[in-house]
Amino acid sequence: MKNTPFVYFLILLLSSCAVTRKIENDSVEIRFLDEFVLPADSQLDNTVIGGLSGIDYKEGKYFLVSDQASNPRIYTADIQIKNKKIDQVTFNQLITIKKTGDFSKDYLDLEAIRFDPLREEFIVTSEGKIDAGKDPGIYTLSILGETRSSFSIPEYFNAAGTQKPRDNGVFEGLSESFDNQGYWVATE
């Protein structure tokens, strides 16, 4: 039989693909806790609190980012939870993002934020403004709001690229890797 060696090879190949150990998944559950609506006239340092689009929690503090491109900023806040409800939200600090040097022309439509306590810096994502030719980006900022650096992104995310993304549909989510050695970025 001519196909006998092929059949043996196919059986060997398919049997080598088997999982030899049980893969365990921890049970993960997400529950909606509550919502908290700020009064429309809420201010901190003479700036209306609004456009909140991203939040992070580290070392007992909440960090929130505003997606108002004309005035990109970060807030620190305390959020008190009682009986599984948000009881009180207190905004403590306003950090205005300073776009200087190479970053002065970047369009910061901020969507997500992470705080890295080891490097004492923020990592933020921006959707840019594709229709206006402004690229999206991923940036590191000092704790004072100074732009430190940006990550290189694939060409197909560039506003002038041949495969440019749709406007307001780029970098939306940002999460730390499980080993704290990098970040995962999600598009909208």
N, C-alpha and C. Protein backbone atom coordinates (compact mmCIF):
# COMPACT_ATOMS: atom_id res chain seq x y z
N MET A 1 0.84 -1.17 0.00
CA MET A 1 0.00 0.00 0.00
C MET A 1 0.89 1.24 0.00
N LYS A 2 0.74 2.10 -1.01
CA LYS A 2 1.58 3.27 -1.18
C LYS A 2 1.37 4.32 -0.10
N ASN A 3 0.17 4.46 0.40
CA ASN A 3 -0.16 5.53 1.34
C ASN A 3 0.12 5.18 2.79
N THR A 4 0.59 3.97 3.08
CA THR A 4 0.82 3.56 4.47
C THR A 4 1.78 4.48 5.20
N PRO A 5 2.94 4.83 4.66
CA PRO A 5 3.83 5.75 5.38
C PRO A 5 3.17 7.11 5.63
N PHE A 6 2.39 7.58 4.65
CA PHE A 6 1.71 8.86 4.82
C PHE A 6 0.68 8.79 5.95
N VAL A 7 -0.07 7.69 6.03
CA VAL A 7 -1.08 7.52 7.08
C VAL A 7 -0.41 7.49 8.45
N TYR A 8 0.71 6.77 8.57
CA TYR A 8 1.45 6.73 9.84
C TYR A 8 1.95 8.13 10.23
N PHE A 9 2.46 8.85 9.24
CA PHE A 9 2.94 10.20 9.50
C PHE A 9 1.80 11.10 9.96
N LEU A 10 0.65 10.98 9.32
CA LEU A 10 -0.51 11.80 9.67
C LEU A 10 -0.98 11.47 11.09
N ILE A 11 -1.02 10.20 11.46
CA ILE A 11 -1.42 9.80 12.82
C ILE A 11 -0.42 10.35 13.84
N LEU A 12 0.86 10.25 13.54
CA LEU A 12 1.90 10.77 14.44
C LEU A 12 1.75 12.28 14.60
N LEU A 13 1.53 12.97 13.51
CA LEU A 13 1.39 14.42 13.54
C LEU A 13 0.17 14.83 14.37
N LEU A 14 -0.96 14.22 14.13
CA LEU A 14 -2.18 14.58 14.86
C LEU A 14 -2.09 14.23 16.34
N SER A 15 -1.45 13.13 16.67
CA SER A 15 -1.35 12.75 18.09
C SER A 15 -0.36 13.65 18.83
N SER A 16 0.58 14.25 18.12
CA SER A 16 1.53 15.15 18.79
C SER A 16 0.91 16.50 19.12
N CYS A 17 -0.26 16.78 18.59
CA CYS A 17 -0.94 18.04 18.86
C CYS A 17 -1.80 17.99 20.11
N ALA A 18 -1.86 16.87 20.76
CA ALA A 18 -2.72 16.73 21.94
C ALA A 18 -2.16 17.51 23.12
N VAL A 19 -3.03 18.00 23.96
CA VAL A 19 -2.64 18.68 25.19
C VAL A 19 -2.38 17.63 26.24
N THR A 20 -1.19 17.67 26.84
CA THR A 20 -0.84 16.64 27.82
C THR A 20 -1.16 17.04 29.24
N ARG A 21 -1.51 18.30 29.45
CA ARG A 21 -1.87 18.71 30.81
C ARG A 21 -3.18 19.48 30.75
N LYS A 22 -3.85 19.48 31.86
CA LYS A 22 -5.12 20.18 31.94
C LYS A 22 -4.87 21.68 32.03
N ILE A 23 -5.55 22.42 31.19
CA ILE A 23 -5.45 23.88 31.24
C ILE A 23 -6.54 24.38 32.17
N GLU A 24 -6.12 25.11 33.20
CA GLU A 24 -7.09 25.61 34.17
C GLU A 24 -7.34 27.08 33.94
N ASN A 25 -8.58 27.45 34.06
CA ASN A 25 -8.98 28.85 33.97
C ASN A 25 -9.60 29.25 35.29
N ASP A 26 -9.07 30.32 35.87
CA ASP A 26 -9.71 30.84 37.07
C ASP A 26 -11.06 31.43 36.68
N SER A 27 -12.00 31.29 37.57
CA SER A 27 -13.31 31.85 37.33
C SER A 27 -13.24 33.37 37.51
N VAL A 28 -13.56 34.09 36.46
CA VAL A 28 -13.54 35.55 36.50
C VAL A 28 -14.97 36.04 36.39
N GLU A 29 -15.30 36.98 37.23
CA GLU A 29 -16.65 37.51 37.22
C GLU A 29 -16.58 39.03 37.31
N ILE A 30 -17.34 39.69 36.47
CA ILE A 30 -17.42 41.15 36.50
C ILE A 30 -18.85 41.52 36.86
N ARG A 31 -18.96 42.41 37.82
CA ARG A 31 -20.29 42.88 38.23
C ARG A 31 -20.34 44.40 38.16
N PHE A 32 -21.46 44.91 37.69
CA PHE A 32 -21.68 46.35 37.71
C PHE A 32 -21.91 46.77 39.15
N LEU A 33 -21.09 47.68 39.63
CA LEU A 33 -21.19 48.12 41.01
C LEU A 33 -22.18 49.26 41.14
N ASP A 34 -21.94 50.33 40.43
CA ASP A 34 -22.78 51.52 40.59
C ASP A 34 -22.33 52.54 39.55
N GLU A 35 -23.08 53.58 39.41
CA GLU A 35 -22.66 54.72 38.61
C GLU A 35 -22.74 55.96 39.49
N PHE A 36 -21.96 56.94 39.14
CA PHE A 36 -21.94 58.17 39.92
C PHE A 36 -21.92 59.32 38.93
N VAL A 37 -22.93 60.16 38.98
CA VAL A 37 -23.03 61.29 38.06
C VAL A 37 -22.59 62.55 38.78
N LEU A 38 -21.56 63.19 38.23
CA LEU A 38 -21.07 64.43 38.81
C LEU A 38 -22.01 65.58 38.43
N PRO A 39 -22.20 66.53 39.30
CA PRO A 39 -22.96 67.73 38.92
C PRO A 39 -22.27 68.41 37.73
N ALA A 40 -23.04 68.96 36.81
CA ALA A 40 -22.50 69.54 35.58
C ALA A 40 -21.52 70.68 35.84
N ASP A 41 -21.65 71.35 36.97
CA ASP A 41 -20.79 72.49 37.26
C ASP A 41 -19.59 72.14 38.15
N SER A 42 -19.29 70.86 38.28
CA SER A 42 -18.16 70.44 39.12
C SER A 42 -16.85 70.99 38.56
N GLN A 43 -16.05 71.60 39.43
CA GLN A 43 -14.78 72.17 39.01
C GLN A 43 -13.67 71.82 39.98
N LEU A 44 -12.46 71.85 39.46
CA LEU A 44 -11.25 71.72 40.28
C LEU A 44 -10.23 72.68 39.68
N ASP A 45 -9.69 73.55 40.48
CA ASP A 45 -8.72 74.55 40.02
C ASP A 45 -9.25 75.36 38.83
N ASN A 46 -10.50 75.81 38.94
CA ASN A 46 -11.16 76.63 37.91
C ASN A 46 -11.28 75.93 36.56
N THR A 47 -11.29 74.62 36.57
CA THR A 47 -11.46 73.83 35.35
C THR A 47 -12.64 72.90 35.55
N VAL A 48 -13.58 72.92 34.60
CA VAL A 48 -14.74 72.03 34.68
C VAL A 48 -14.26 70.59 34.59
N ILE A 49 -14.75 69.76 35.51
CA ILE A 49 -14.43 68.34 35.49
C ILE A 49 -15.35 67.68 34.48
N GLY A 50 -14.78 67.09 33.45
CA GLY A 50 -15.62 66.46 32.44
C GLY A 50 -14.78 65.73 31.41
N GLY A 51 -15.47 65.04 30.52
CA GLY A 51 -14.81 64.28 29.48
C GLY A 51 -14.01 63.11 30.00
N LEU A 52 -14.41 62.59 31.15
CA LEU A 52 -13.66 61.49 31.77
C LEU A 52 -13.79 60.24 30.92
N SER A 53 -12.65 59.72 30.46
CA SER A 53 -12.71 58.59 29.54
C SER A 53 -11.90 57.39 29.97
N GLY A 54 -11.01 57.55 30.94
CA GLY A 54 -10.20 56.42 31.40
C GLY A 54 -9.92 56.54 32.88
N ILE A 55 -9.72 55.39 33.53
CA ILE A 55 -9.48 55.37 34.97
C ILE A 55 -8.49 54.25 35.31
N ASP A 56 -7.67 54.51 36.32
CA ASP A 56 -6.75 53.50 36.84
C ASP A 56 -6.73 53.64 38.36
N TYR A 57 -6.37 52.56 39.04
CA TYR A 57 -6.28 52.56 40.50
C TYR A 57 -4.95 51.94 40.89
N LYS A 58 -4.15 52.71 41.62
CA LYS A 58 -2.86 52.22 42.10
C LYS A 58 -2.57 52.86 43.44
N GLU A 59 -2.05 52.07 44.35
CA GLU A 59 -1.56 52.56 45.63
C GLU A 59 -2.55 53.47 46.34
N GLY A 60 -3.82 53.07 46.34
CA GLY A 60 -4.84 53.81 47.07
C GLY A 60 -5.37 55.05 46.39
N LYS A 61 -4.97 55.30 45.14
CA LYS A 61 -5.44 56.49 44.42
C LYS A 61 -6.08 56.08 43.10
N TYR A 62 -7.05 56.88 42.71
CA TYR A 62 -7.64 56.75 41.38
C TYR A 62 -7.04 57.83 40.49
N PHE A 63 -6.77 57.46 39.24
CA PHE A 63 -6.25 58.39 38.24
C PHE A 63 -7.24 58.38 37.08
N LEU A 64 -7.72 59.56 36.70
CA LEU A 64 -8.70 59.67 35.63
C LEU A 64 -8.16 60.60 34.55
N VAL A 65 -8.48 60.32 33.31
CA VAL A 65 -8.02 61.14 32.20
C VAL A 65 -9.22 61.73 31.47
N SER A 66 -9.06 62.97 31.02
CA SER A 66 -10.11 63.65 30.26
C SER A 66 -9.76 63.61 28.78
N ASP A 67 -10.77 63.39 27.95
CA ASP A 67 -10.54 63.31 26.50
C ASP A 67 -10.80 64.63 25.78
N GLN A 68 -10.80 65.73 26.51
CA GLN A 68 -10.97 67.04 25.89
C GLN A 68 -9.65 67.45 25.25
N ALA A 69 -9.57 67.34 23.92
CA ALA A 69 -8.31 67.54 23.21
C ALA A 69 -7.76 68.96 23.36
N SER A 70 -8.63 69.94 23.53
CA SER A 70 -8.15 71.32 23.68
C SER A 70 -7.52 71.57 25.04
N ASN A 71 -7.79 70.70 26.01
CA ASN A 71 -7.22 70.85 27.35
C ASN A 71 -7.01 69.46 27.97
N PRO A 72 -6.05 68.68 27.43
CA PRO A 72 -5.85 67.33 27.97
C PRO A 72 -5.34 67.39 29.41
N ARG A 73 -5.91 66.53 30.27
CA ARG A 73 -5.56 66.60 31.68
C ARG A 73 -5.82 65.27 32.38
N ILE A 74 -5.21 65.17 33.56
CA ILE A 74 -5.36 64.00 34.42
C ILE A 74 -5.84 64.50 35.77
N TYR A 75 -6.69 63.72 36.40
CA TYR A 75 -7.15 64.02 37.75
C TYR A 75 -6.72 62.89 38.68
N THR A 76 -6.46 63.23 39.94
CA THR A 76 -6.38 62.21 40.97
C THR A 76 -7.64 62.34 41.80
N ALA A 77 -8.14 61.23 42.31
CA ALA A 77 -9.40 61.26 43.04
C ALA A 77 -9.44 60.17 44.10
N ASP A 78 -10.29 60.39 45.08
CA ASP A 78 -10.65 59.37 46.06
C ASP A 78 -12.08 58.97 45.76
N ILE A 79 -12.34 57.70 45.74
CA ILE A 79 -13.70 57.19 45.52
C ILE A 79 -14.05 56.32 46.71
N GLN A 80 -15.04 56.76 47.46
CA GLN A 80 -15.47 56.03 48.65
C GLN A 80 -16.63 55.11 48.29
N ILE A 81 -16.51 53.86 48.68
CA ILE A 81 -17.55 52.87 48.39
C ILE A 81 -18.10 52.36 49.71
N LYS A 82 -19.43 52.42 49.85
CA LYS A 82 -20.10 51.91 51.04
C LYS A 82 -21.28 51.05 50.61
N ASN A 83 -21.40 49.90 51.22
CA ASN A 83 -22.51 48.98 50.92
C ASN A 83 -22.64 48.71 49.42
N LYS A 84 -21.49 48.49 48.77
CA LYS A 84 -21.44 48.16 47.35
C LYS A 84 -21.99 49.27 46.45
N LYS A 85 -21.92 50.51 46.93
CA LYS A 85 -22.36 51.67 46.16
C LYS A 85 -21.28 52.75 46.24
N ILE A 86 -21.16 53.54 45.20
CA ILE A 86 -20.24 54.67 45.25
C ILE A 86 -20.88 55.73 46.13
N ASP A 87 -20.23 56.03 47.24
CA ASP A 87 -20.78 56.97 48.21
C ASP A 87 -20.33 58.40 47.92
N GLN A 88 -19.05 58.55 47.59
CA GLN A 88 -18.52 59.90 47.40
C GLN A 88 -17.32 59.85 46.47
N VAL A 89 -17.21 60.86 45.62
CA VAL A 89 -16.06 61.01 44.74
C VAL A 89 -15.46 62.39 45.02
N THR A 90 -14.19 62.41 45.38
CA THR A 90 -13.51 63.67 45.67
C THR A 90 -12.32 63.80 44.73
N PHE A 91 -12.33 64.84 43.92
CA PHE A 91 -11.21 65.12 43.02
C PHE A 91 -10.19 65.94 43.79
N ASN A 92 -8.94 65.47 43.82
CA ASN A 92 -7.91 66.09 44.64
C ASN A 92 -6.90 66.92 43.87
N GLN A 93 -6.56 66.49 42.67
CA GLN A 93 -5.48 67.16 41.95
C GLN A 93 -5.80 67.19 40.46
N LEU A 94 -5.45 68.30 39.84
CA LEU A 94 -5.56 68.47 38.40
C LEU A 94 -4.15 68.54 37.84
N ILE A 95 -3.84 67.67 36.89
CA ILE A 95 -2.53 67.66 36.24
C ILE A 95 -2.76 68.01 34.78
N THR A 96 -2.36 69.20 34.39
CA THR A 96 -2.49 69.63 33.00
C THR A 96 -1.34 69.04 32.20
N ILE A 97 -1.65 68.47 31.05
CA ILE A 97 -0.62 67.85 30.22
C ILE A 97 0.06 68.93 29.39
N LYS A 98 1.36 68.97 29.51
CA LYS A 98 2.17 69.97 28.81
C LYS A 98 2.73 69.36 27.53
N LYS A 99 2.27 69.88 26.40
CA LYS A 99 2.74 69.39 25.10
C LYS A 99 3.89 70.28 24.64
N THR A 100 5.10 69.81 24.86
CA THR A 100 6.28 70.61 24.52
C THR A 100 7.16 69.85 23.54
N GLY A 101 8.10 70.57 22.94
CA GLY A 101 9.08 69.95 22.06
C GLY A 101 8.45 69.18 20.92
N ASP A 102 8.89 67.94 20.75
CA ASP A 102 8.40 67.09 19.65
C ASP A 102 6.91 66.80 19.75
N PHE A 103 6.32 67.00 20.91
CA PHE A 103 4.91 66.64 21.11
C PHE A 103 3.97 67.84 20.99
N SER A 104 4.49 69.02 20.70
CA SER A 104 3.66 70.23 20.71
C SER A 104 2.55 70.20 19.66
N LYS A 105 2.73 69.45 18.59
CA LYS A 105 1.72 69.41 17.53
C LYS A 105 0.83 68.16 17.61
N ASP A 106 1.08 67.30 18.58
CA ASP A 106 0.27 66.09 18.70
C ASP A 106 -1.14 66.44 19.18
N TYR A 107 -2.11 65.70 18.69
CA TYR A 107 -3.51 65.89 19.04
C TYR A 107 -3.85 64.84 20.10
N LEU A 108 -4.07 65.28 21.32
CA LEU A 108 -4.29 64.35 22.42
C LEU A 108 -5.77 64.20 22.75
N ASP A 109 -6.41 63.25 22.09
CA ASP A 109 -7.77 62.83 22.42
C ASP A 109 -7.61 61.60 23.31
N LEU A 110 -7.34 61.84 24.58
CA LEU A 110 -6.95 60.76 25.50
C LEU A 110 -8.12 59.85 25.83
N GLU A 111 -7.86 58.57 25.85
CA GLU A 111 -8.91 57.59 26.11
C GLU A 111 -8.62 56.67 27.28
N ALA A 112 -7.36 56.33 27.52
CA ALA A 112 -7.04 55.37 28.59
C ALA A 112 -5.80 55.85 29.33
N ILE A 113 -5.69 55.39 30.58
CA ILE A 113 -4.56 55.79 31.43
C ILE A 113 -4.14 54.63 32.31
N ARG A 114 -2.84 54.52 32.52
CA ARG A 114 -2.27 53.61 33.50
C ARG A 114 -1.18 54.37 34.23
N PHE A 115 -1.05 54.10 35.52
CA PHE A 115 0.00 54.73 36.31
C PHE A 115 1.04 53.67 36.64
N ASP A 116 2.30 53.97 36.37
CA ASP A 116 3.41 53.08 36.68
C ASP A 116 4.14 53.64 37.89
N PRO A 117 3.90 53.09 39.09
CA PRO A 117 4.52 53.64 40.29
C PRO A 117 6.04 53.43 40.34
N LEU A 118 6.55 52.41 39.68
CA LEU A 118 8.00 52.19 39.69
C LEU A 118 8.75 53.27 38.91
N ARG A 119 8.19 53.66 37.79
CA ARG A 119 8.82 54.71 36.97
C ARG A 119 8.27 56.09 37.28
N GLU A 120 7.25 56.14 38.13
CA GLU A 120 6.56 57.38 38.46
C GLU A 120 6.14 58.12 37.19
N GLU A 121 5.35 57.41 36.36
CA GLU A 121 4.88 58.02 35.13
C GLU A 121 3.52 57.44 34.75
N PHE A 122 2.84 58.19 33.89
CA PHE A 122 1.58 57.76 33.33
C PHE A 122 1.82 57.24 31.93
N ILE A 123 1.03 56.26 31.53
CA ILE A 123 1.00 55.81 30.15
C ILE A 123 -0.42 56.10 29.68
N VAL A 124 -0.56 56.81 28.57
CA VAL A 124 -1.88 57.20 28.07
C VAL A 124 -1.99 56.85 26.59
N THR A 125 -3.22 56.65 26.14
CA THR A 125 -3.47 56.45 24.72
C THR A 125 -4.27 57.62 24.19
N SER A 126 -4.04 57.93 22.92
CA SER A 126 -4.77 58.99 22.24
C SER A 126 -5.28 58.48 20.90
N GLU A 127 -6.52 58.82 20.58
CA GLU A 127 -7.08 58.41 19.29
C GLU A 127 -6.62 59.31 18.15
N GLY A 128 -5.97 60.42 18.49
CA GLY A 128 -5.58 61.36 17.45
C GLY A 128 -6.82 61.98 16.82
N LYS A 129 -6.68 62.46 15.60
CA LYS A 129 -7.81 63.00 14.83
C LYS A 129 -7.54 62.66 13.38
N ILE A 130 -7.92 61.45 13.00
CA ILE A 130 -7.59 60.90 11.68
C ILE A 130 -8.08 61.81 10.57
N ASP A 131 -9.33 62.32 10.66
CA ASP A 131 -9.88 63.18 9.61
C ASP A 131 -9.09 64.47 9.43
N ALA A 132 -8.37 64.90 10.46
CA ALA A 132 -7.55 66.12 10.37
C ALA A 132 -6.07 65.79 10.15
N GLY A 133 -5.77 64.52 9.88
CA GLY A 133 -4.40 64.12 9.61
C GLY A 133 -3.52 64.01 10.85
N LYS A 134 -4.13 63.90 12.03
CA LYS A 134 -3.37 63.80 13.29
C LYS A 134 -3.33 62.34 13.74
N ASP A 135 -2.12 61.81 13.91
CA ASP A 135 -1.93 60.40 14.26
C ASP A 135 -2.37 60.09 15.69
N PRO A 136 -2.83 58.86 15.90
CA PRO A 136 -3.05 58.40 17.27
C PRO A 136 -1.69 58.16 17.93
N GLY A 137 -1.70 57.92 19.23
CA GLY A 137 -0.42 57.67 19.88
C GLY A 137 -0.54 57.04 21.24
N ILE A 138 0.58 56.55 21.72
CA ILE A 138 0.71 56.00 23.07
C ILE A 138 1.89 56.73 23.68
N TYR A 139 1.65 57.38 24.81
CA TYR A 139 2.65 58.29 25.38
C TYR A 139 2.95 57.95 26.83
N THR A 140 4.15 58.35 27.26
CA THR A 140 4.47 58.34 28.68
C THR A 140 4.56 59.80 29.13
N LEU A 141 4.02 60.05 30.32
CA LEU A 141 4.00 61.39 30.89
C LEU A 141 4.57 61.34 32.29
N SER A 142 5.25 62.40 32.69
CA SER A 142 5.73 62.48 34.07
C SER A 142 4.54 62.70 35.00
N ILE A 143 4.78 62.58 36.29
CA ILE A 143 3.69 62.80 37.25
C ILE A 143 3.29 64.27 37.32
N LEU A 144 4.06 65.13 36.65
CA LEU A 144 3.72 66.56 36.56
C LEU A 144 3.02 66.89 35.24
N GLY A 145 2.81 65.87 34.39
CA GLY A 145 2.12 66.07 33.13
C GLY A 145 3.01 66.41 31.96
N GLU A 146 4.32 66.30 32.13
CA GLU A 146 5.25 66.57 31.03
C GLU A 146 5.35 65.35 30.13
N THR A 147 5.23 65.57 28.82
CA THR A 147 5.33 64.47 27.87
C THR A 147 6.77 64.00 27.81
N ARG A 148 6.98 62.70 28.08
CA ARG A 148 8.34 62.14 28.09
C ARG A 148 8.70 61.46 26.78
N SER A 149 7.82 60.58 26.33
CA SER A 149 8.15 59.81 25.12
C SER A 149 6.87 59.28 24.49
N SER A 150 7.03 58.76 23.28
CA SER A 150 5.91 58.10 22.62
C SER A 150 6.41 56.77 22.09
N PHE A 151 5.50 55.82 21.99
CA PHE A 151 5.82 54.51 21.45
C PHE A 151 5.64 54.53 19.94
N SER A 152 6.48 53.82 19.23
CA SER A 152 6.28 53.72 17.78
C SER A 152 5.09 52.80 17.53
N ILE A 153 4.33 53.15 16.52
CA ILE A 153 3.13 52.38 16.18
C ILE A 153 3.23 51.93 14.72
N PRO A 154 2.55 50.85 14.37
CA PRO A 154 2.59 50.38 12.98
C PRO A 154 2.04 51.44 12.01
N GLU A 155 2.56 51.44 10.81
CA GLU A 155 2.20 52.43 9.79
C GLU A 155 0.70 52.45 9.50
N TYR A 156 0.04 51.31 9.59
CA TYR A 156 -1.38 51.28 9.25
C TYR A 156 -2.25 52.03 10.25
N PHE A 157 -1.69 52.48 11.36
CA PHE A 157 -2.43 53.33 12.28
C PHE A 157 -2.24 54.82 11.98
N ASN A 158 -1.31 55.17 11.11
CA ASN A 158 -1.04 56.57 10.81
C ASN A 158 -2.16 57.19 10.00
N ALA A 159 -2.44 58.45 10.29
CA ALA A 159 -3.52 59.16 9.61
C ALA A 159 -3.26 59.31 8.12
N ALA A 160 -2.00 59.39 7.72
CA ALA A 160 -1.66 59.55 6.31
C ALA A 160 -1.31 58.23 5.64
N GLY A 161 -1.45 57.13 6.35
CA GLY A 161 -1.10 55.83 5.80
C GLY A 161 -2.06 55.38 4.71
N THR A 162 -1.63 54.40 3.94
CA THR A 162 -2.48 53.88 2.87
C THR A 162 -3.67 53.12 3.42
N GLN A 163 -3.52 52.57 4.61
CA GLN A 163 -4.60 51.81 5.25
C GLN A 163 -5.09 52.54 6.49
N LYS A 164 -5.17 53.85 6.44
CA LYS A 164 -5.45 54.62 7.65
C LYS A 164 -6.71 54.12 8.36
N PRO A 165 -6.72 54.23 9.69
CA PRO A 165 -7.89 53.79 10.46
C PRO A 165 -9.03 54.79 10.34
N ARG A 166 -10.19 54.39 10.80
CA ARG A 166 -11.32 55.33 10.77
C ARG A 166 -11.17 56.33 11.92
N ASP A 167 -11.68 57.52 11.71
CA ASP A 167 -11.61 58.57 12.73
C ASP A 167 -12.35 58.13 13.99
N ASN A 168 -11.78 58.46 15.13
CA ASN A 168 -12.36 58.14 16.44
C ASN A 168 -12.52 56.63 16.63
N GLY A 169 -11.62 55.85 16.07
CA GLY A 169 -11.73 54.40 16.20
C GLY A 169 -10.40 53.73 16.44
N VAL A 170 -9.49 54.42 17.09
CA VAL A 170 -8.15 53.85 17.23
C VAL A 170 -7.93 53.40 18.68
N PHE A 171 -6.93 53.93 19.36
CA PHE A 171 -6.53 53.41 20.66
C PHE A 171 -7.52 53.79 21.76
N GLU A 172 -8.21 52.80 22.28
CA GLU A 172 -9.26 53.03 23.26
C GLU A 172 -8.91 52.43 24.62
N GLY A 173 -8.44 51.21 24.65
CA GLY A 173 -8.17 50.53 25.92
C GLY A 173 -6.68 50.32 26.14
N LEU A 174 -6.30 50.23 27.41
CA LEU A 174 -4.90 50.05 27.77
C LEU A 174 -4.85 49.23 29.05
N SER A 175 -4.07 48.16 29.02
CA SER A 175 -3.97 47.28 30.18
C SER A 175 -2.53 46.82 30.35
N GLU A 176 -2.13 46.64 31.61
CA GLU A 176 -0.79 46.11 31.89
C GLU A 176 -0.74 44.62 31.56
N SER A 177 0.41 44.16 31.13
CA SER A 177 0.58 42.73 30.93
C SER A 177 0.63 42.04 32.29
N PHE A 178 0.34 40.76 32.31
CA PHE A 178 0.28 40.03 33.57
C PHE A 178 1.61 40.03 34.31
N ASP A 179 2.71 40.16 33.58
CA ASP A 179 4.03 40.14 34.21
C ASP A 179 4.61 41.54 34.43
N ASN A 180 3.80 42.57 34.19
CA ASN A 180 4.20 43.98 34.35
C ASN A 180 5.41 44.36 33.50
N GLN A 181 5.59 43.69 32.38
CA GLN A 181 6.72 43.99 31.50
C GLN A 181 6.29 44.74 30.24
N GLY A 182 5.00 45.03 30.11
CA GLY A 182 4.52 45.72 28.92
C GLY A 182 3.05 46.06 29.06
N TYR A 183 2.47 46.48 27.95
CA TYR A 183 1.07 46.89 27.94
C TYR A 183 0.36 46.31 26.74
N TRP A 184 -0.93 46.12 26.88
CA TRP A 184 -1.80 45.71 25.79
C TRP A 184 -2.65 46.93 25.44
N VAL A 185 -2.76 47.23 24.17
CA VAL A 185 -3.56 48.36 23.71
C VAL A 185 -4.66 47.81 22.81
N ALA A 186 -5.88 48.30 23.03
CA ALA A 186 -7.02 47.84 22.24
C ALA A 186 -7.57 49.00 21.41
N THR A 187 -8.02 48.68 20.21
CA THR A 187 -8.68 49.69 19.38
C THR A 187 -10.18 49.63 19.63
N GLU A 188 -10.85 50.69 19.24
CA GLU A 188 -12.29 50.78 19.46
C GLU A 188 -13.04 49.87 18.51
